[in-house]
Amino acid sequence: MHALDLLVWSVGAPRRVVALTGRSPVHTLEAEDSIAALLDYGGGAAVTLYATTAASPGTPERLTLVGGRATAVLDGPRLDVWEVGGRASRSWGAEGPSGIDADTNLMPAQWHTELLRDAVAAFGQGRPPLASGRSALHTQLVVEALYRSGGSPSWVDVAPAGIPGATLRARTDG
């Protein structure tokens, strides 16, 4: 769910979600181990999400964001962006493993390290960290809506109902 957290931190929480959940034959769990979802941001922007604990260790996370001016695909640590009409294509990061590995010591730690460094610096400078508790709360609200939808399956609004001071907004600061 790291990729979902990154998405929500980057562009904000979706307006609503619809999901299907299920159990694969890989595990003998009493709970679902797979989810496929559509996250609706309004205005034609949508994200597809498939998450599972049944994938082979090391399988990269993948998110696709389709908007009116471009499509972005986060595939593990690599981000590719294509403008509508094929006018431009840009990439960041490198291809490689980023998913949960059978040996957690092999998981890339650079992103977590940078966030921890920023948090320490932010506390010392009296500013909010890049990744705050509020941003984590927004991701949890999306996850909760996904679980509710997966049990129905119907569209579920992502809303901060009952959480004092919580407001969901799309990021507009880049």
Foldseek 3Di string as FASTA:
>chain_A
DVVLLVVCLAWWAAFKKFKAFADDPQDPDPDTFWMWMWGHRPPAWIKTAIGGPSDAFQQWGWMWIDHPFWIWIDGHQKIWIATPPRPDIDMDDDDGTAGHHPDNVPHDCVVVVVQVVQCVVCVVVVHAGSDHPLSVVRSVLNVVSRVVCNVVVDMDGRAPPPPPPRDIDTDDPD
